[in-house]
Amino acid sequence: MPLAATAGPAAVNPKVHVAPSADYKEQWFTTQDNCTYSRTSAPGYGTQWYLVLNPHHVGKPNAHGNCPTRLKGS
């Protein structure tokens, strides 16, 4: 069977990495494909979410190559 026939829907619909809504108040956020982020903010700037490479302290697996380094909050 050719490789293209086995690729499936994941090849057509890649994961989208979106920051949580503004009302999300937790320190840690994990996307559906296990990319874990930590909340940061500074006075005068919006919330930013930075990738945690080894989030074992919150019970999540290591980051993988498809995780963006940063997500912009709302």
PDB file of N, CA and C in Angstrom:
ATOM      1  N   MET A   1       0.850  -1.175   0.000  1.00  0.00           N
ATOM      2  CA  MET A   1       0.000   0.000   0.000  1.00  0.00           C
ATOM      3  C   MET A   1       0.898   1.242   0.000  1.00  0.00           C
ATOM      4  N   PRO A   2       0.637   2.232  -0.857  1.00  0.00           N
ATOM      5  CA  PRO A   2       1.466   3.436  -0.905  1.00  0.00           C
ATOM      6  C   PRO A   2       1.372   4.213   0.402  1.00  0.00           C
ATOM      7  N   LEU A   3       2.444   4.920   0.725  1.00  0.00           N
ATOM      8  CA  LEU A   3       2.504   5.704   1.956  1.00  0.00           C
ATOM      9  C   LEU A   3       1.395   6.757   2.015  1.00  0.00           C
ATOM     10  N   ALA A   4       1.106   7.416   0.920  1.00  0.00           N
ATOM     11  CA  ALA A   4       0.062   8.455   0.896  1.00  0.00           C
ATOM     12  C   ALA A   4      -1.294   7.902   1.328  1.00  0.00           C
ATOM     13  N   ALA A   5      -1.553   6.654   1.034  1.00  0.00           N
ATOM     14  CA  ALA A   5      -2.837   6.065   1.399  1.00  0.00           C
ATOM     15  C   ALA A   5      -2.945   5.801   2.899  1.00  0.00           C
ATOM     16  N   THR A   6      -1.808   5.742   3.610  1.00  0.00           N
ATOM     17  CA  THR A   6      -1.837   5.468   5.041  1.00  0.00           C
ATOM     18  C   THR A   6      -1.657   6.717   5.894  1.00  0.00           C
ATOM     19  N   ALA A   7      -1.453   7.861   5.254  1.00  0.00           N
ATOM     20  CA  ALA A   7      -1.176   9.097   6.004  1.00  0.00           C
ATOM     21  C   ALA A   7      -2.358   9.502   6.885  1.00  0.00           C
ATOM     22  N   GLY A   8      -3.561   9.345   6.412  1.00  0.00           N
ATOM     23  CA  GLY A   8      -4.753   9.622   7.213  1.00  0.00           C
ATOM     24  C   GLY A   8      -5.032  11.101   7.410  1.00  0.00           C
ATOM     25  N   PRO A   9      -6.092  11.405   8.165  1.00  0.00           N
ATOM     26  CA  PRO A   9      -6.530  12.778   8.367  1.00  0.00           C
ATOM     27  C   PRO A   9      -5.514  13.670   9.064  1.00  0.00           C
ATOM     28  N   ALA A  10      -4.611  13.128   9.877  1.00  0.00           N
ATOM     29  CA  ALA A  10      -3.640  13.964  10.586  1.00  0.00           C
ATOM     30  C   ALA A  10      -2.776  14.748   9.608  1.00  0.00           C
ATOM     31  N   ALA A  11      -2.466  14.160   8.449  1.00  0.00           N
ATOM     32  CA  ALA A  11      -1.651  14.850   7.461  1.00  0.00           C
ATOM     33  C   ALA A  11      -2.421  15.998   6.817  1.00  0.00           C
ATOM     34  N   VAL A  12      -3.730  15.903   6.755  1.00  0.00           N
ATOM     35  CA  VAL A  12      -4.559  16.927   6.136  1.00  0.00           C
ATOM     36  C   VAL A  12      -4.934  18.017   7.135  1.00  0.00           C
ATOM     37  N   ASN A  13      -5.153  17.644   8.396  1.00  0.00           N
ATOM     38  CA  ASN A  13      -5.575  18.587   9.429  1.00  0.00           C
ATOM     39  C   ASN A  13      -4.529  18.675  10.539  1.00  0.00           C
ATOM     40  N   PRO A  14      -3.451  19.472  10.337  1.00  0.00           N
ATOM     41  CA  PRO A  14      -2.418  19.560  11.358  1.00  0.00           C
ATOM     42  C   PRO A  14      -2.962  20.195  12.644  1.00  0.00           C
ATOM     43  N   LYS A  15      -2.310  19.921  13.759  1.00  0.00           N
ATOM     44  CA  LYS A  15      -2.711  20.495  15.043  1.00  0.00           C
ATOM     45  C   LYS A  15      -2.510  22.006  15.015  1.00  0.00           C
ATOM     46  N   VAL A  16      -3.388  22.712  15.686  1.00  0.00           N
ATOM     47  CA  VAL A  16      -3.265  24.167  15.808  1.00  0.00           C
ATOM     48  C   VAL A  16      -2.937  24.469  17.261  1.00  0.00           C
ATOM     49  N   HIS A  17      -1.947  25.289  17.471  1.00  0.00           N
ATOM     50  CA  HIS A  17      -1.536  25.674  18.820  1.00  0.00           C
ATOM     51  C   HIS A  17      -2.082  27.059  19.127  1.00  0.00           C
ATOM     52  N   VAL A  18      -3.057  27.088  20.021  1.00  0.00           N
ATOM     53  CA  VAL A  18      -3.737  28.331  20.368  1.00  0.00           C
ATOM     54  C   VAL A  18      -3.675  28.501  21.883  1.00  0.00           C
ATOM     55  N   ALA A  19      -3.359  29.711  22.322  1.00  0.00           N
ATOM     56  CA  ALA A  19      -3.337  30.009  23.757  1.00  0.00           C
ATOM     57  C   ALA A  19      -4.752  29.900  24.322  1.00  0.00           C
ATOM     58  N   PRO A  20      -4.862  29.631  25.618  1.00  0.00           N
ATOM     59  CA  PRO A  20      -6.193  29.551  26.224  1.00  0.00           C
ATOM     60  C   PRO A  20      -6.865  30.919  26.256  1.00  0.00           C
ATOM     61  N   SER A  21      -8.155  30.934  26.518  1.00  0.00           N
ATOM     62  CA  SER A  21      -8.904  32.194  26.573  1.00  0.00           C
ATOM     63  C   SER A  21      -8.412  33.068  27.726  1.00  0.00           C
ATOM     64  N   ALA A  22      -8.751  34.335  27.679  1.00  0.00           N
ATOM     65  CA  ALA A  22      -8.302  35.301  28.683  1.00  0.00           C
ATOM     66  C   ALA A  22      -8.783  34.958  30.091  1.00  0.00           C
ATOM     67  N   ASP A  23      -9.870  34.221  30.227  1.00  0.00           N
ATOM     68  CA  ASP A  23     -10.377  33.880  31.557  1.00  0.00           C
ATOM     69  C   ASP A  23      -9.698  32.646  32.165  1.00  0.00           C
ATOM     70  N   TYR A  24      -8.768  32.019  31.454  1.00  0.00           N
ATOM     71  CA  TYR A  24      -8.006  30.880  31.970  1.00  0.00           C
ATOM     72  C   TYR A  24      -6.984  31.416  32.973  1.00  0.00           C
ATOM     73  N   LYS A  25      -7.029  30.972  34.208  1.00  0.00           N
ATOM     74  CA  LYS A  25      -6.200  31.553  35.275  1.00  0.00           C
ATOM     75  C   LYS A  25      -5.098  30.643  35.794  1.00  0.00           C
ATOM     76  N   GLU A  26      -4.959  29.439  35.266  1.00  0.00           N
ATOM     77  CA  GLU A  26      -3.937  28.513  35.753  1.00  0.00           C
ATOM     78  C   GLU A  26      -2.539  28.939  35.285  1.00  0.00           C
ATOM     79  N   GLN A  27      -1.510  28.486  35.970  1.00  0.00           N
ATOM     80  CA  GLN A  27      -0.122  28.780  35.608  1.00  0.00           C
ATOM     81  C   GLN A  27       0.344  27.963  34.405  1.00  0.00           C
ATOM     82  N   TRP A  28      -0.164  26.733  34.267  1.00  0.00           N
ATOM     83  CA  TRP A  28       0.277  25.820  33.226  1.00  0.00           C
ATOM     84  C   TRP A  28      -0.867  25.521  32.262  1.00  0.00           C
ATOM     85  N   PHE A  29      -0.520  25.375  30.984  1.00  0.00           N
ATOM     86  CA  PHE A  29      -1.507  25.067  29.952  1.00  0.00           C
ATOM     87  C   PHE A  29      -0.897  24.027  29.019  1.00  0.00           C
ATOM     88  N   THR A  30      -1.645  22.981  28.691  1.00  0.00           N
ATOM     89  CA  THR A  30      -1.166  21.932  27.791  1.00  0.00           C
ATOM     90  C   THR A  30      -2.115  21.821  26.604  1.00  0.00           C
ATOM     91  N   THR A  31      -1.539  21.842  25.394  1.00  0.00           N
ATOM     92  CA  THR A  31      -2.331  21.702  24.170  1.00  0.00           C
ATOM     93  C   THR A  31      -2.744  20.250  23.983  1.00  0.00           C
ATOM     94  N   GLN A  32      -3.596  20.002  23.008  1.00  0.00           N
ATOM     95  CA  GLN A  32      -4.091  18.647  22.746  1.00  0.00           C
ATOM     96  C   GLN A  32      -2.982  17.680  22.352  1.00  0.00           C
ATOM     97  N   ASP A  33      -1.895  18.191  21.780  1.00  0.00           N
ATOM     98  CA  ASP A  33      -0.796  17.300  21.383  1.00  0.00           C
ATOM     99  C   ASP A  33       0.370  17.335  22.374  1.00  0.00           C
ATOM    100  N   ASN A  34       0.076  17.666  23.628  1.00  0.00           N
ATOM    101  CA  ASN A  34       1.027  17.604  24.746  1.00  0.00           C
ATOM    102  C   ASN A  34       2.186  18.593  24.678  1.00  0.00           C
ATOM    103  N   CYS A  35       1.926  19.810  24.268  1.00  0.00           N
ATOM    104  CA  CYS A  35       2.889  20.893  24.394  1.00  0.00           C
ATOM    105  C   CYS A  35       2.462  21.672  25.645  1.00  0.00           C
ATOM    106  N   THR A  36       3.334  21.770  26.651  1.00  0.00           N
ATOM    107  CA  THR A  36       2.986  22.433  27.906  1.00  0.00           C
ATOM    108  C   THR A  36       3.650  23.794  27.979  1.00  0.00           C
ATOM    109  N   TYR A  37       2.877  24.792  28.405  1.00  0.00           N
ATOM    110  CA  TYR A  37       3.324  26.182  28.468  1.00  0.00           C
ATOM    111  C   TYR A  37       3.129  26.747  29.863  1.00  0.00           C
ATOM    112  N   SER A  38       3.968  27.736  30.197  1.00  0.00           N
ATOM    113  CA  SER A  38       3.869  28.442  31.461  1.00  0.00           C
ATOM    114  C   SER A  38       3.467  29.892  31.183  1.00  0.00           C
ATOM    115  N   ARG A  39       2.562  30.408  31.992  1.00  0.00           N
ATOM    116  CA  ARG A  39       2.056  31.774  31.831  1.00  0.00           C
ATOM    117  C   ARG A  39       3.107  32.787  32.294  1.00  0.00           C
ATOM    118  N   THR A  40       3.284  33.855  31.533  1.00  0.00           N
ATOM    119  CA  THR A  40       4.118  34.978  31.946  1.00  0.00           C
ATOM    120  C   THR A  40       3.398  36.263  31.569  1.00  0.00           C
ATOM    121  N   SER A  41       3.695  37.310  32.293  1.00  0.00           N
ATOM    122  CA  SER A  41       3.161  38.627  31.928  1.00  0.00           C
ATOM    123  C   SER A  41       4.022  39.691  32.589  1.00  0.00           C
ATOM    124  N   ALA A  42       4.027  40.854  31.997  1.00  0.00           N
ATOM    125  CA  ALA A  42       4.755  42.002  32.527  1.00  0.00           C
ATOM    126  C   ALA A  42       3.817  43.204  32.453  1.00  0.00           C
ATOM    127  N   PRO A  43       3.999  44.174  33.339  1.00  0.00           N
ATOM    128  CA  PRO A  43       3.128  45.359  33.308  1.00  0.00           C
ATOM    129  C   PRO A  43       3.118  46.016  31.921  1.00  0.00           C
ATOM    130  N   GLY A  44       1.928  46.277  31.429  1.00  0.00           N
ATOM    131  CA  GLY A  44       1.779  46.923  30.133  1.00  0.00           C
ATOM    132  C   GLY A  44       1.791  45.972  28.941  1.00  0.00           C
ATOM    133  N   TYR A  45       1.965  44.684  29.183  1.00  0.00           N
ATOM    134  CA  TYR A  45       2.010  43.693  28.112  1.00  0.00           C
ATOM    135  C   TYR A  45       0.954  42.623  28.361  1.00  0.00           C
ATOM    136  N   GLY A  46       0.508  41.998  27.301  1.00  0.00           N
ATOM    137  CA  GLY A  46      -0.458  40.923  27.427  1.00  0.00           C
ATOM    138  C   GLY A  46       0.203  39.649  27.927  1.00  0.00           C
ATOM    139  N   THR A  47      -0.603  38.674  28.244  1.00  0.00           N
ATOM    140  CA  THR A  47      -0.102  37.384  28.701  1.00  0.00           C
ATOM    141  C   THR A  47       0.622  36.676  27.562  1.00  0.00           C
ATOM    142  N   GLN A  48       1.737  36.045  27.889  1.00  0.00           N
ATOM    143  CA  GLN A  48       2.502  35.226  26.951  1.00  0.00           C
ATOM    144  C   GLN A  48       2.595  33.829  27.557  1.00  0.00           C
ATOM    145  N   TRP A  49       2.668  32.823  26.729  1.00  0.00           N
ATOM    146  CA  TRP A  49       2.808  31.441  27.165  1.00  0.00           C
ATOM    147  C   TRP A  49       4.091  30.900  26.567  1.00  0.00           C
ATOM    148  N   TYR A  50       5.045  30.474  27.426  1.00  0.00           N
ATOM    149  CA  TYR A  50       6.337  29.957  26.971  1.00  0.00           C
ATOM    150  C   TYR A  50       6.419  28.451  27.177  1.00  0.00           C
ATOM    151  N   LEU A  51       6.973  27.786  26.192  1.00  0.00           N
ATOM    152  CA  LEU A  51       7.087  26.329  26.191  1.00  0.00           C
ATOM    153  C   LEU A  51       7.954  25.851  27.348  1.00  0.00           C
ATOM    154  N   VAL A  52       7.507  24.807  28.014  1.00  0.00           N
ATOM    155  CA  VAL A  52       8.273  24.142  29.061  1.00  0.00           C
ATOM    156  C   VAL A  52       8.823  22.854  28.432  1.00  0.00           C
ATOM    157  N   LEU A  53      10.147  22.751  28.321  1.00  0.00           N
ATOM    158  CA  LEU A  53      10.755  21.610  27.641  1.00  0.00           C
ATOM    159  C   LEU A  53      10.609  20.311  28.420  1.00  0.00           C
ATOM    160  N   ASN A  54      10.672  20.370  29.743  1.00  0.00           N
ATOM    161  CA  ASN A  54      10.605  19.180  30.577  1.00  0.00           C
ATOM    162  C   ASN A  54       9.585  19.424  31.702  1.00  0.00           C
ATOM    163  N   PRO A  55       8.295  19.323  31.406  1.00  0.00           N
ATOM    164  CA  PRO A  55       7.262  19.655  32.392  1.00  0.00           C
ATOM    165  C   PRO A  55       6.855  18.498  33.310  1.00  0.00           C
ATOM    166  N   HIS A  56       7.817  17.677  33.703  1.00  0.00           N
ATOM    167  CA  HIS A  56       7.494  16.531  34.555  1.00  0.00           C
ATOM    168  C   HIS A  56       6.947  16.969  35.908  1.00  0.00           C
ATOM    169  N   HIS A  57       7.298  18.170  36.366  1.00  0.00           N
ATOM    170  CA  HIS A  57       6.799  18.669  37.657  1.00  0.00           C
ATOM    171  C   HIS A  57       5.289  18.896  37.651  1.00  0.00           C
ATOM    172  N   VAL A  58       4.687  18.971  36.463  1.00  0.00           N
ATOM    173  CA  VAL A  58       3.229  19.089  36.374  1.00  0.00           C
ATOM    174  C   VAL A  58       2.615  17.827  35.743  1.00  0.00           C
ATOM    175  N   GLY A  59       3.414  16.764  35.682  1.00  0.00           N
ATOM    176  CA  GLY A  59       2.914  15.473  35.214  1.00  0.00           C
ATOM    177  C   GLY A  59       2.702  15.359  33.718  1.00  0.00           C
ATOM    178  N   LYS A  60       3.455  16.093  32.927  1.00  0.00           N
ATOM    179  CA  LYS A  60       3.306  16.070  31.470  1.00  0.00           C
ATOM    180  C   LYS A  60       4.583  15.563  30.814  1.00  0.00           C
ATOM    181  N   PRO A  61       4.506  15.064  29.573  1.00  0.00           N
ATOM    182  CA  PRO A  61       5.694  14.561  28.867  1.00  0.00           C
ATOM    183  C   PRO A  61       6.554  15.702  28.319  1.00  0.00           C
ATOM    184  N   ASN A  62       7.785  15.380  27.939  1.00  0.00           N
ATOM    185  CA  ASN A  62       8.691  16.360  27.342  1.00  0.00           C
ATOM    186  C   ASN A  62       8.076  16.977  26.087  1.00  0.00           C
ATOM    187  N   ALA A  63       8.492  18.197  25.785  1.00  0.00           N
ATOM    188  CA  ALA A  63       8.060  18.864  24.556  1.00  0.00           C
ATOM    189  C   ALA A  63       8.627  18.117  23.351  1.00  0.00           C
ATOM    190  N   HIS A  64       7.941  18.222  22.217  1.00  0.00           N
ATOM    191  CA  HIS A  64       8.397  17.588  20.980  1.00  0.00           C
ATOM    192  C   HIS A  64       8.661  18.659  19.934  1.00  0.00           C
ATOM    193  N   GLY A  65       9.176  18.259  18.798  1.00  0.00           N
ATOM    194  CA  GLY A  65       9.605  19.191  17.756  1.00  0.00           C
ATOM    195  C   GLY A  65       8.517  20.034  17.115  1.00  0.00           C
ATOM    196  N   ASN A  66       7.253  19.689  17.285  1.00  0.00           N
ATOM    197  CA  ASN A  66       6.164  20.459  16.676  1.00  0.00           C
ATOM    198  C   ASN A  66       5.566  21.496  17.617  1.00  0.00           C
ATOM    199  N   CYS A  67       6.161  21.685  18.794  1.00  0.00           N
ATOM    200  CA  CYS A  67       5.642  22.661  19.756  1.00  0.00           C
ATOM    201  C   CYS A  67       6.233  24.048  19.479  1.00  0.00           C
ATOM    202  N   PRO A  68       5.392  25.051  19.248  1.00  0.00           N
ATOM    203  CA  PRO A  68       5.914  26.416  19.120  1.00  0.00           C
ATOM    204  C   PRO A  68       6.542  26.853  20.444  1.00  0.00           C
ATOM    205  N   THR A  69       7.559  27.680  20.384  1.00  0.00           N
ATOM    206  CA  THR A  69       8.250  28.160  21.575  1.00  0.00           C
ATOM    207  C   THR A  69       7.375  29.064  22.419  1.00  0.00           C
ATOM    208  N   ARG A  70       6.500  29.841  21.773  1.00  0.00           N
ATOM    209  CA  ARG A  70       5.675  30.816  22.500  1.00  0.00           C
ATOM    210  C   ARG A  70       4.300  30.888  21.885  1.00  0.00           C
ATOM    211  N   LEU A  71       3.299  31.119  22.753  1.00  0.00           N
ATOM    212  CA  LEU A  71       1.934  31.389  22.305  1.00  0.00           C
ATOM    213  C   LEU A  71       1.552  32.763  22.838  1.00  0.00           C
ATOM    214  N   LYS A  72       0.929  33.579  22.026  1.00  0.00           N
ATOM    215  CA  LYS A  72       0.441  34.882  22.488  1.00  0.00           C
ATOM    216  C   LYS A  72      -0.925  34.717  23.106  1.00  0.00           C
ATOM    217  N   GLY A  73      -1.091  35.286  24.280  1.00  0.00           N
ATOM    218  CA  GLY A  73      -2.388  35.250  24.947  1.00  0.00           C
ATOM    219  C   GLY A  73      -3.292  36.335  24.408  1.00  0.00           C
ATOM    220  N   SER A  74      -4.520  36.322  24.902  1.00  0.00           N
ATOM    221  CA  SER A  74      -5.462  37.348  24.437  1.00  0.00           C
ATOM    222  C   SER A  74      -5.515  38.504  25.405  1.00  0.00           C
TER     223      SER A  74
END
